[in-house]
Amino acid sequence: MDRARIQEGVRLILEGVGENPLDPRLAETPRRVADMLEEVLEGTHCDPRSFLSHLAEERHDEMVILRNIPIHSMCEHHLLPFYGFAHLAYIPAQGRIAGLSTLARVVDTFAKRLQIQERLTKQIADTLMDALHPLGVMVVIQAEHLCMGMRGARKPGATTLTSAVRGIFRRKLATREEAMSLLMRS
């Protein structure tokens, strides 16, 4: 990440909105924004597959569900946050399971990039399918987008739901319905 260019860009934005970037109350803003972007976009150059491995000592052949994984991401269209929860389900093949924290790290790594929710959902599902080779994967994300709540339509509180369905969850309606009912329970 080029922090100097980010800071210069923030100074230009401040000037563009009629502020003086040298004003003592704003003098540290360019650095703070660079710090923030480095933190919230830290997944940009990470490979989430590096977290995934099978737990060889454990075997399980039933559905595994991880719900309410908090996500915070940045809309690539407006550079405003969207936030909410990711929920995922997978059915291990040949009993191979993944560590639960590694699943959450995959979600977090993809979320900490400039994103759109639809792509985020797909990337998580595709990565889990490619790395774990399960019988199936389902990912559902529900999020509120500040680009919709603060500007444009100005509908705060509206949430967007996206899903990505792979493998057995796509082929077997009963399996998909079971997973969806478990994922979306309150």
N, C-alpha and C. Protein backbone atom coordinates (compact mmCIF):
# COMPACT_ATOMS: atom_id res chain seq x y z
N MET A 1 0.84 -1.16 0.00
CA MET A 1 0.00 0.00 0.00
C MET A 1 0.90 1.24 0.00
N ASP A 2 0.61 2.17 -0.85
CA ASP A 2 1.41 3.40 -0.98
C ASP A 2 0.81 4.48 -0.08
N ARG A 3 1.28 4.53 1.15
CA ARG A 3 0.75 5.45 2.14
C ARG A 3 0.93 6.92 1.74
N ALA A 4 2.04 7.24 1.13
CA ALA A 4 2.29 8.64 0.74
C ALA A 4 1.26 9.09 -0.30
N ARG A 5 0.94 8.24 -1.25
CA ARG A 5 -0.06 8.61 -2.26
C ARG A 5 -1.45 8.73 -1.64
N ILE A 6 -1.76 7.84 -0.70
CA ILE A 6 -3.05 7.94 -0.02
C ILE A 6 -3.15 9.26 0.72
N GLN A 7 -2.09 9.62 1.44
CA GLN A 7 -2.11 10.86 2.21
C GLN A 7 -2.23 12.07 1.29
N GLU A 8 -1.55 12.05 0.17
CA GLU A 8 -1.67 13.15 -0.79
C GLU A 8 -3.09 13.21 -1.35
N GLY A 9 -3.67 12.06 -1.63
CA GLY A 9 -5.05 12.02 -2.12
C GLY A 9 -6.03 12.58 -1.11
N VAL A 10 -5.84 12.28 0.17
CA VAL A 10 -6.72 12.80 1.21
C VAL A 10 -6.56 14.32 1.32
N ARG A 11 -5.33 14.80 1.21
CA ARG A 11 -5.12 16.27 1.22
C ARG A 11 -5.88 16.92 0.06
N LEU A 12 -5.84 16.29 -1.11
CA LEU A 12 -6.57 16.83 -2.27
C LEU A 12 -8.09 16.80 -2.03
N ILE A 13 -8.58 15.74 -1.42
CA ILE A 13 -10.01 15.66 -1.10
C ILE A 13 -10.39 16.79 -0.14
N LEU A 14 -9.57 16.96 0.91
CA LEU A 14 -9.86 18.03 1.86
C LEU A 14 -9.92 19.39 1.16
N GLU A 15 -8.96 19.65 0.28
CA GLU A 15 -8.98 20.90 -0.49
C GLU A 15 -10.21 20.96 -1.39
N GLY A 16 -10.55 19.84 -2.00
CA GLY A 16 -11.68 19.78 -2.92
C GLY A 16 -13.02 20.07 -2.27
N VAL A 17 -13.16 19.75 -0.98
CA VAL A 17 -14.41 20.04 -0.27
C VAL A 17 -14.35 21.39 0.44
N GLY A 18 -13.27 22.14 0.19
CA GLY A 18 -13.17 23.50 0.73
C GLY A 18 -12.51 23.62 2.09
N GLU A 19 -11.81 22.60 2.51
CA GLU A 19 -11.10 22.63 3.79
C GLU A 19 -9.62 22.92 3.55
N ASN A 20 -8.96 23.36 4.59
CA ASN A 20 -7.53 23.61 4.55
C ASN A 20 -6.83 22.43 5.21
N PRO A 21 -6.11 21.59 4.44
CA PRO A 21 -5.45 20.43 5.05
C PRO A 21 -4.35 20.79 6.03
N LEU A 22 -3.94 22.05 6.06
CA LEU A 22 -2.93 22.49 7.02
C LEU A 22 -3.54 22.98 8.33
N ASP A 23 -4.85 23.13 8.38
CA ASP A 23 -5.53 23.52 9.61
C ASP A 23 -5.18 22.50 10.69
N PRO A 24 -4.81 22.95 11.89
CA PRO A 24 -4.39 22.02 12.95
C PRO A 24 -5.41 20.90 13.23
N ARG A 25 -6.70 21.17 13.07
CA ARG A 25 -7.69 20.13 13.34
C ARG A 25 -7.70 19.05 12.26
N LEU A 26 -7.14 19.34 11.08
CA LEU A 26 -7.12 18.38 9.97
C LEU A 26 -5.72 17.89 9.60
N ALA A 27 -4.70 18.46 10.24
CA ALA A 27 -3.32 18.16 9.83
C ALA A 27 -2.98 16.67 9.88
N GLU A 28 -3.55 15.93 10.82
CA GLU A 28 -3.25 14.51 10.96
C GLU A 28 -4.24 13.62 10.19
N THR A 29 -5.27 14.21 9.61
CA THR A 29 -6.29 13.42 8.91
C THR A 29 -5.71 12.56 7.79
N PRO A 30 -4.84 13.08 6.92
CA PRO A 30 -4.30 12.22 5.87
C PRO A 30 -3.58 10.97 6.40
N ARG A 31 -2.81 11.13 7.47
CA ARG A 31 -2.13 9.98 8.07
C ARG A 31 -3.14 9.01 8.68
N ARG A 32 -4.14 9.56 9.36
CA ARG A 32 -5.15 8.71 9.98
C ARG A 32 -5.92 7.90 8.93
N VAL A 33 -6.25 8.54 7.82
CA VAL A 33 -6.96 7.83 6.76
C VAL A 33 -6.07 6.73 6.17
N ALA A 34 -4.79 7.02 5.98
CA ALA A 34 -3.86 6.00 5.47
C ALA A 34 -3.78 4.83 6.45
N ASP A 35 -3.71 5.13 7.76
CA ASP A 35 -3.69 4.06 8.78
C ASP A 35 -4.96 3.22 8.69
N MET A 36 -6.11 3.90 8.59
CA MET A 36 -7.39 3.22 8.53
C MET A 36 -7.47 2.31 7.30
N LEU A 37 -7.09 2.84 6.15
CA LEU A 37 -7.17 2.04 4.92
C LEU A 37 -6.24 0.84 4.97
N GLU A 38 -5.06 1.03 5.53
CA GLU A 38 -4.14 -0.10 5.66
C GLU A 38 -4.76 -1.21 6.52
N GLU A 39 -5.48 -0.82 7.55
CA GLU A 39 -6.11 -1.80 8.43
C GLU A 39 -7.34 -2.44 7.81
N VAL A 40 -8.26 -1.64 7.28
CA VAL A 40 -9.53 -2.21 6.79
C VAL A 40 -9.39 -2.90 5.45
N LEU A 41 -8.27 -2.67 4.74
CA LEU A 41 -8.05 -3.34 3.46
C LEU A 41 -6.88 -4.32 3.52
N GLU A 42 -6.57 -4.80 4.72
CA GLU A 42 -5.39 -5.67 4.89
C GLU A 42 -5.52 -7.01 4.18
N GLY A 43 -6.69 -7.38 3.74
CA GLY A 43 -6.86 -8.64 3.01
C GLY A 43 -6.54 -8.53 1.53
N THR A 44 -6.26 -7.31 1.05
CA THR A 44 -6.07 -7.07 -0.38
C THR A 44 -4.98 -7.95 -0.99
N HIS A 45 -3.90 -8.14 -0.30
CA HIS A 45 -2.77 -8.88 -0.86
C HIS A 45 -2.51 -10.20 -0.11
N CYS A 46 -3.55 -10.73 0.55
CA CYS A 46 -3.44 -12.00 1.26
C CYS A 46 -4.14 -13.10 0.46
N ASP A 47 -3.61 -14.29 0.53
CA ASP A 47 -4.25 -15.44 -0.10
C ASP A 47 -5.01 -16.20 0.98
N PRO A 48 -6.35 -16.15 0.97
CA PRO A 48 -7.11 -16.82 2.02
C PRO A 48 -6.95 -18.34 2.02
N ARG A 49 -6.51 -18.91 0.92
CA ARG A 49 -6.30 -20.36 0.87
C ARG A 49 -5.18 -20.78 1.82
N SER A 50 -4.29 -19.85 2.13
CA SER A 50 -3.16 -20.19 3.01
C SER A 50 -3.63 -20.56 4.41
N PHE A 51 -4.85 -20.17 4.79
CA PHE A 51 -5.36 -20.51 6.12
C PHE A 51 -5.96 -21.90 6.17
N LEU A 52 -6.39 -22.41 5.02
CA LEU A 52 -7.19 -23.62 5.00
C LEU A 52 -6.35 -24.89 4.96
N SER A 53 -6.65 -25.76 5.86
CA SER A 53 -6.07 -27.10 5.84
C SER A 53 -7.06 -28.01 6.55
N HIS A 54 -6.92 -29.29 6.31
CA HIS A 54 -7.81 -30.26 6.96
C HIS A 54 -7.24 -30.63 8.31
N LEU A 55 -8.13 -30.88 9.25
CA LEU A 55 -7.72 -31.38 10.56
C LEU A 55 -7.66 -32.91 10.44
N ALA A 56 -6.47 -33.42 10.24
CA ALA A 56 -6.29 -34.85 9.94
C ALA A 56 -6.76 -35.74 11.08
N GLU A 57 -6.67 -35.27 12.31
CA GLU A 57 -7.00 -36.13 13.44
C GLU A 57 -8.50 -36.25 13.69
N GLU A 58 -9.30 -35.44 13.02
CA GLU A 58 -10.74 -35.48 13.22
C GLU A 58 -11.44 -35.93 11.94
N ARG A 59 -12.58 -36.63 12.10
CA ARG A 59 -13.38 -37.08 10.97
C ARG A 59 -14.84 -36.73 11.25
N HIS A 60 -15.52 -36.21 10.24
CA HIS A 60 -16.93 -35.84 10.40
C HIS A 60 -17.57 -35.86 9.02
N ASP A 61 -18.78 -36.43 8.92
CA ASP A 61 -19.39 -36.49 7.59
C ASP A 61 -20.80 -35.89 7.57
N GLU A 62 -21.09 -35.03 8.51
CA GLU A 62 -22.37 -34.34 8.56
C GLU A 62 -22.14 -32.84 8.32
N MET A 63 -23.21 -32.11 8.14
CA MET A 63 -23.13 -30.68 7.85
C MET A 63 -22.44 -29.93 8.99
N VAL A 64 -21.56 -29.01 8.61
CA VAL A 64 -20.90 -28.11 9.55
C VAL A 64 -21.37 -26.70 9.21
N ILE A 65 -21.83 -25.98 10.24
CA ILE A 65 -22.37 -24.65 10.03
C ILE A 65 -21.66 -23.67 10.96
N LEU A 66 -21.26 -22.55 10.41
CA LEU A 66 -20.67 -21.47 11.18
C LEU A 66 -21.49 -20.22 10.87
N ARG A 67 -22.15 -19.68 11.90
CA ARG A 67 -23.07 -18.56 11.70
C ARG A 67 -22.56 -17.30 12.37
N ASN A 68 -23.11 -16.19 11.92
CA ASN A 68 -22.89 -14.89 12.56
C ASN A 68 -21.42 -14.49 12.64
N ILE A 69 -20.70 -14.71 11.54
CA ILE A 69 -19.32 -14.24 11.45
C ILE A 69 -19.39 -12.76 11.09
N PRO A 70 -18.97 -11.86 11.98
CA PRO A 70 -19.06 -10.44 11.66
C PRO A 70 -18.18 -10.09 10.46
N ILE A 71 -18.73 -9.27 9.57
CA ILE A 71 -17.94 -8.78 8.44
C ILE A 71 -18.03 -7.25 8.41
N HIS A 72 -16.92 -6.66 7.99
CA HIS A 72 -16.83 -5.23 7.72
C HIS A 72 -16.04 -5.12 6.43
N SER A 73 -16.62 -4.46 5.45
CA SER A 73 -15.94 -4.33 4.17
C SER A 73 -16.15 -2.92 3.64
N MET A 74 -15.48 -2.62 2.53
CA MET A 74 -15.57 -1.30 1.90
C MET A 74 -16.13 -1.46 0.50
N CYS A 75 -17.24 -0.77 0.24
CA CYS A 75 -17.84 -0.76 -1.09
C CYS A 75 -16.86 -0.14 -2.07
N GLU A 76 -16.56 -0.86 -3.12
CA GLU A 76 -15.60 -0.33 -4.10
C GLU A 76 -16.18 0.78 -4.96
N HIS A 77 -17.50 0.95 -4.94
CA HIS A 77 -18.12 1.98 -5.75
C HIS A 77 -18.12 3.35 -5.08
N HIS A 78 -18.22 3.37 -3.73
CA HIS A 78 -18.35 4.64 -3.02
C HIS A 78 -17.33 4.81 -1.90
N LEU A 79 -16.53 3.80 -1.65
CA LEU A 79 -15.56 3.80 -0.55
C LEU A 79 -16.24 4.07 0.78
N LEU A 80 -17.42 3.50 0.95
CA LEU A 80 -18.13 3.53 2.23
C LEU A 80 -18.26 2.09 2.73
N PRO A 81 -18.35 1.92 4.04
CA PRO A 81 -18.42 0.57 4.59
C PRO A 81 -19.76 -0.13 4.34
N PHE A 82 -19.68 -1.44 4.29
CA PHE A 82 -20.87 -2.27 4.50
C PHE A 82 -20.48 -3.30 5.54
N TYR A 83 -21.47 -3.68 6.33
CA TYR A 83 -21.17 -4.54 7.47
C TYR A 83 -22.37 -5.43 7.77
N GLY A 84 -22.09 -6.54 8.40
CA GLY A 84 -23.15 -7.47 8.74
C GLY A 84 -22.56 -8.79 9.18
N PHE A 85 -23.16 -9.88 8.67
CA PHE A 85 -22.75 -11.22 9.09
C PHE A 85 -22.69 -12.16 7.90
N ALA A 86 -21.71 -13.03 7.95
CA ALA A 86 -21.61 -14.13 6.99
C ALA A 86 -21.98 -15.41 7.73
N HIS A 87 -22.66 -16.28 7.02
CA HIS A 87 -23.05 -17.59 7.54
C HIS A 87 -22.60 -18.61 6.49
N LEU A 88 -22.03 -19.71 6.94
CA LEU A 88 -21.62 -20.71 5.96
C LEU A 88 -21.89 -22.12 6.46
N ALA A 89 -22.10 -22.99 5.49
CA ALA A 89 -22.32 -24.40 5.77
C ALA A 89 -21.50 -25.20 4.75
N TYR A 90 -20.97 -26.31 5.20
CA TYR A 90 -20.33 -27.23 4.25
C TYR A 90 -20.51 -28.66 4.75
N ILE A 91 -20.44 -29.58 3.82
CA ILE A 91 -20.49 -31.00 4.16
C ILE A 91 -19.15 -31.59 3.75
N PRO A 92 -18.37 -32.04 4.73
CA PRO A 92 -17.05 -32.57 4.42
C PRO A 92 -17.12 -33.80 3.52
N ALA A 93 -16.14 -33.93 2.66
CA ALA A 93 -15.99 -35.15 1.85
C ALA A 93 -14.97 -36.03 2.54
N GLN A 94 -15.23 -37.30 2.58
CA GLN A 94 -14.32 -38.28 3.18
C GLN A 94 -13.96 -37.88 4.61
N GLY A 95 -14.88 -37.20 5.30
CA GLY A 95 -14.70 -36.88 6.71
C GLY A 95 -13.74 -35.76 7.02
N ARG A 96 -13.16 -35.12 5.99
CA ARG A 96 -12.15 -34.08 6.24
C ARG A 96 -12.81 -32.76 6.66
N ILE A 97 -12.43 -32.25 7.84
CA ILE A 97 -12.99 -31.00 8.31
C ILE A 97 -11.90 -29.94 8.41
N ALA A 98 -12.34 -28.69 8.42
CA ALA A 98 -11.42 -27.56 8.56
C ALA A 98 -11.60 -26.95 9.94
N GLY A 99 -10.57 -26.29 10.44
CA GLY A 99 -10.69 -25.59 11.71
C GLY A 99 -11.68 -24.44 11.58
N LEU A 100 -12.49 -24.24 12.59
CA LEU A 100 -13.52 -23.20 12.54
C LEU A 100 -12.91 -21.81 12.41
N SER A 101 -11.83 -21.56 13.13
CA SER A 101 -11.22 -20.22 13.04
C SER A 101 -10.64 -19.97 11.65
N THR A 102 -10.21 -21.03 10.97
CA THR A 102 -9.69 -20.82 9.62
C THR A 102 -10.80 -20.42 8.66
N LEU A 103 -12.00 -20.95 8.88
CA LEU A 103 -13.14 -20.56 8.05
C LEU A 103 -13.44 -19.07 8.25
N ALA A 104 -13.42 -18.63 9.50
CA ALA A 104 -13.66 -17.20 9.78
C ALA A 104 -12.56 -16.33 9.18
N ARG A 105 -11.33 -16.82 9.16
CA ARG A 105 -10.22 -16.04 8.57
C ARG A 105 -10.39 -15.88 7.06
N VAL A 106 -10.90 -16.91 6.41
CA VAL A 106 -11.16 -16.81 4.97
C VAL A 106 -12.19 -15.71 4.72
N VAL A 107 -13.27 -15.73 5.48
CA VAL A 107 -14.31 -14.70 5.34
C VAL A 107 -13.69 -13.31 5.55
N ASP A 108 -12.93 -13.16 6.62
CA ASP A 108 -12.34 -11.87 6.96
C ASP A 108 -11.37 -11.37 5.90
N THR A 109 -10.57 -12.28 5.36
CA THR A 109 -9.59 -11.88 4.35
C THR A 109 -10.26 -11.34 3.10
N PHE A 110 -11.31 -11.99 2.65
CA PHE A 110 -12.03 -11.49 1.47
C PHE A 110 -12.79 -10.20 1.79
N ALA A 111 -13.31 -10.08 3.01
CA ALA A 111 -14.05 -8.87 3.38
C ALA A 111 -13.14 -7.65 3.48
N LYS A 112 -11.90 -7.86 3.85
CA LYS A 112 -10.98 -6.73 4.04
C LYS A 112 -10.29 -6.36 2.72
N ARG A 113 -11.14 -6.08 1.75
CA ARG A 113 -10.72 -5.63 0.42
C ARG A 113 -11.78 -4.66 -0.07
N LEU A 114 -11.46 -3.90 -1.10
CA LEU A 114 -12.53 -3.17 -1.78
C LEU A 114 -13.41 -4.23 -2.40
N GLN A 115 -14.72 -4.18 -2.14
CA GLN A 115 -15.58 -5.30 -2.48
C GLN A 115 -16.95 -4.85 -2.93
N ILE A 116 -17.68 -5.80 -3.48
CA ILE A 116 -19.13 -5.76 -3.55
C ILE A 116 -19.61 -7.03 -2.89
N GLN A 117 -20.77 -6.98 -2.28
CA GLN A 117 -21.24 -8.12 -1.49
C GLN A 117 -21.43 -9.37 -2.33
N GLU A 118 -21.91 -9.21 -3.54
CA GLU A 118 -22.15 -10.37 -4.39
C GLU A 118 -20.85 -11.13 -4.67
N ARG A 119 -19.78 -10.40 -4.99
CA ARG A 119 -18.48 -11.03 -5.25
C ARG A 119 -17.91 -11.66 -3.98
N LEU A 120 -18.04 -10.96 -2.86
CA LEU A 120 -17.55 -11.48 -1.58
C LEU A 120 -18.17 -12.84 -1.29
N THR A 121 -19.47 -12.96 -1.47
CA THR A 121 -20.18 -14.21 -1.20
C THR A 121 -19.65 -15.33 -2.10
N LYS A 122 -19.50 -15.03 -3.37
CA LYS A 122 -19.01 -16.01 -4.35
C LYS A 122 -17.57 -16.41 -4.06
N GLN A 123 -16.71 -15.45 -3.74
CA GLN A 123 -15.30 -15.76 -3.48
C GLN A 123 -15.15 -16.71 -2.29
N ILE A 124 -15.91 -16.48 -1.24
CA ILE A 124 -15.83 -17.36 -0.08
C ILE A 124 -16.25 -18.78 -0.45
N ALA A 125 -17.39 -18.91 -1.13
CA ALA A 125 -17.88 -20.24 -1.51
C ALA A 125 -16.90 -20.95 -2.44
N ASP A 126 -16.41 -20.26 -3.45
CA ASP A 126 -15.48 -20.89 -4.40
C ASP A 126 -14.18 -21.32 -3.73
N THR A 127 -13.67 -20.48 -2.83
CA THR A 127 -12.42 -20.83 -2.14
C THR A 127 -12.61 -22.05 -1.26
N LEU A 128 -13.72 -22.12 -0.54
CA LEU A 128 -13.96 -23.30 0.31
C LEU A 128 -14.11 -24.56 -0.53
N MET A 129 -14.79 -24.45 -1.67
CA MET A 129 -14.92 -25.62 -2.56
C MET A 129 -13.56 -26.05 -3.09
N ASP A 130 -12.77 -25.10 -3.55
CA ASP A 130 -11.46 -25.41 -4.14
C ASP A 130 -10.47 -25.97 -3.12
N ALA A 131 -10.47 -25.42 -1.92
CA ALA A 131 -9.46 -25.80 -0.94
C ALA A 131 -9.83 -27.03 -0.13
N LEU A 132 -11.11 -27.18 0.18
CA LEU A 132 -11.53 -28.27 1.06
C LEU A 132 -12.08 -29.48 0.32
N HIS A 133 -12.51 -29.28 -0.93
CA HIS A 133 -13.13 -30.35 -1.73
C HIS A 133 -14.28 -31.02 -0.99
N PRO A 134 -15.19 -30.22 -0.39
CA PRO A 134 -16.32 -30.82 0.32
C PRO A 134 -17.39 -31.29 -0.65
N LEU A 135 -18.41 -31.95 -0.13
CA LEU A 135 -19.54 -32.34 -0.97
C LEU A 135 -20.33 -31.12 -1.41
N GLY A 136 -20.32 -30.09 -0.58
CA GLY A 136 -21.02 -28.87 -0.94
C GLY A 136 -20.72 -27.75 0.03
N VAL A 137 -20.99 -26.52 -0.42
CA VAL A 137 -20.78 -25.31 0.37
C VAL A 137 -21.97 -24.39 0.13
N MET A 138 -22.40 -23.71 1.19
CA MET A 138 -23.39 -22.65 1.07
C MET A 138 -22.90 -21.47 1.90
N VAL A 139 -22.93 -20.29 1.30
CA VAL A 139 -22.54 -19.06 1.99
C VAL A 139 -23.69 -18.07 1.84
N VAL A 140 -24.10 -17.48 2.95
CA VAL A 140 -25.12 -16.43 2.95
C VAL A 140 -24.54 -15.24 3.69
N ILE A 141 -24.65 -14.07 3.09
CA ILE A 141 -24.21 -12.84 3.75
C ILE A 141 -25.39 -11.89 3.82
N GLN A 142 -25.57 -11.31 5.00
CA GLN A 142 -26.55 -10.25 5.18
C GLN A 142 -25.79 -9.03 5.67
N ALA A 143 -26.01 -7.90 4.98
CA ALA A 143 -25.23 -6.71 5.32
C ALA A 143 -26.02 -5.44 5.07
N GLU A 144 -25.64 -4.43 5.82
CA GLU A 144 -26.16 -3.08 5.62
C GLU A 144 -25.06 -2.27 4.95
N HIS A 145 -25.45 -1.53 3.92
CA HIS A 145 -24.51 -0.75 3.13
C HIS A 145 -24.69 0.74 3.42
N LEU A 146 -23.64 1.38 3.92
CA LEU A 146 -23.75 2.81 4.20
C LEU A 146 -23.91 3.64 2.92
N CYS A 147 -23.46 3.09 1.79
CA CYS A 147 -23.65 3.81 0.53
C CYS A 147 -25.13 3.89 0.16
N MET A 148 -25.94 3.02 0.73
CA MET A 148 -27.39 3.07 0.52
C MET A 148 -28.09 3.78 1.68
N GLY A 149 -27.53 3.68 2.86
CA GLY A 149 -28.15 4.29 4.03
C GLY A 149 -27.86 5.77 4.20
N MET A 150 -26.67 6.21 3.83
CA MET A 150 -26.25 7.60 4.03
C MET A 150 -26.50 8.50 2.82
N ARG A 151 -26.54 7.91 1.65
CA ARG A 151 -26.62 8.70 0.42
C ARG A 151 -27.54 7.97 -0.55
N GLY A 152 -27.69 8.47 -1.72
CA GLY A 152 -28.51 7.80 -2.72
C GLY A 152 -29.93 7.59 -2.24
N ALA A 153 -30.32 6.34 -2.08
CA ALA A 153 -31.68 6.00 -1.66
C ALA A 153 -31.97 6.44 -0.22
N ARG A 154 -30.94 6.57 0.60
CA ARG A 154 -31.08 6.96 2.01
C ARG A 154 -32.10 6.08 2.73
N LYS A 155 -31.78 4.81 2.77
CA LYS A 155 -32.64 3.82 3.43
C LYS A 155 -31.84 3.09 4.52
N PRO A 156 -31.50 3.80 5.61
CA PRO A 156 -30.75 3.13 6.68
C PRO A 156 -31.53 1.96 7.26
N GLY A 157 -30.81 0.91 7.59
CA GLY A 157 -31.43 -0.28 8.16
C GLY A 157 -31.81 -1.33 7.13
N ALA A 158 -31.87 -0.95 5.86
CA ALA A 158 -32.16 -1.94 4.82
C ALA A 158 -30.97 -2.89 4.72
N THR A 159 -31.25 -4.18 4.64
CA THR A 159 -30.16 -5.15 4.52
C THR A 159 -30.24 -5.87 3.19
N THR A 160 -29.08 -6.27 2.73
CA THR A 160 -28.95 -7.03 1.49
C THR A 160 -28.55 -8.45 1.85
N LEU A 161 -29.24 -9.43 1.28
CA LEU A 161 -28.90 -10.84 1.45
C LEU A 161 -28.37 -11.38 0.14
N THR A 162 -27.24 -12.06 0.20
CA THR A 162 -26.70 -12.74 -0.98
C THR A 162 -26.37 -14.17 -0.58
N SER A 163 -26.42 -15.07 -1.55
CA SER A 163 -26.07 -16.46 -1.26
C SER A 163 -25.27 -17.02 -2.43
N ALA A 164 -24.44 -17.99 -2.09
CA ALA A 164 -23.71 -18.77 -3.09
C ALA A 164 -23.86 -20.22 -2.69
N VAL A 165 -24.28 -21.05 -3.62
CA VAL A 165 -24.61 -22.44 -3.36
C VAL A 165 -23.77 -23.31 -4.29
N ARG A 166 -23.05 -24.26 -3.72
CA ARG A 166 -22.18 -25.12 -4.51
C ARG A 166 -22.40 -26.59 -4.15
N GLY A 167 -22.11 -27.47 -5.11
CA GLY A 167 -22.12 -28.91 -4.87
C GLY A 167 -23.49 -29.44 -4.50
N ILE A 168 -23.54 -30.29 -3.47
CA ILE A 168 -24.76 -30.99 -3.08
C ILE A 168 -25.87 -30.02 -2.69
N PHE A 169 -25.51 -28.85 -2.17
CA PHE A 169 -26.53 -27.87 -1.80
C PHE A 169 -27.27 -27.34 -3.04
N ARG A 170 -26.61 -27.37 -4.16
CA ARG A 170 -27.24 -26.93 -5.41
C ARG A 170 -28.09 -28.06 -6.01
N ARG A 171 -27.58 -29.29 -5.88
CA ARG A 171 -28.24 -30.43 -6.53
C ARG A 171 -29.42 -30.98 -5.74
N LYS A 172 -29.38 -30.89 -4.41
CA LYS A 172 -30.43 -31.52 -3.59
C LYS A 172 -31.20 -30.44 -2.83
N LEU A 173 -32.41 -30.23 -3.26
CA LEU A 173 -33.25 -29.18 -2.68
C LEU A 173 -33.45 -29.38 -1.18
N ALA A 174 -33.67 -30.59 -0.73
CA ALA A 174 -33.90 -30.84 0.70
C ALA A 174 -32.66 -30.46 1.53
N THR A 175 -31.47 -30.75 1.01
CA THR A 175 -30.24 -30.41 1.71
C THR A 175 -30.07 -28.89 1.76
N ARG A 176 -30.37 -28.23 0.65
CA ARG A 176 -30.29 -26.77 0.61
C ARG A 176 -31.28 -26.16 1.60
N GLU A 177 -32.51 -26.65 1.62
CA GLU A 177 -33.52 -26.11 2.53
C GLU A 177 -33.13 -26.32 3.99
N GLU A 178 -32.57 -27.50 4.31
CA GLU A 178 -32.11 -27.75 5.68
C GLU A 178 -31.03 -26.76 6.06
N ALA A 179 -30.05 -26.58 5.20
CA ALA A 179 -28.95 -25.66 5.49
C ALA A 179 -29.47 -24.24 5.65
N MET A 180 -30.32 -23.81 4.75
CA MET A 180 -30.84 -22.45 4.81
C MET A 180 -31.62 -22.22 6.10
N SER A 181 -32.42 -23.18 6.51
CA SER A 181 -33.20 -23.01 7.74
C SER A 181 -32.27 -22.91 8.95
N LEU A 182 -31.19 -23.66 8.97
CA LEU A 182 -30.24 -23.60 10.08
C LEU A 182 -29.39 -22.33 10.04
N LEU A 183 -29.01 -21.92 8.85
CA LEU A 183 -28.20 -20.70 8.71
C LEU A 183 -28.95 -19.45 9.14
N MET A 184 -30.22 -19.38 8.82
CA MET A 184 -30.96 -18.13 9.00
C MET A 184 -31.79 -18.11 10.28
N ARG A 185 -31.64 -19.10 11.16
CA ARG A 185 -32.35 -19.07 12.45
C ARG A 185 -31.89 -17.89 13.27
N SER A 186 -32.81 -17.31 14.01
CA SER A 186 -32.40 -16.19 14.86
C SER A 186 -32.10 -16.65 16.27
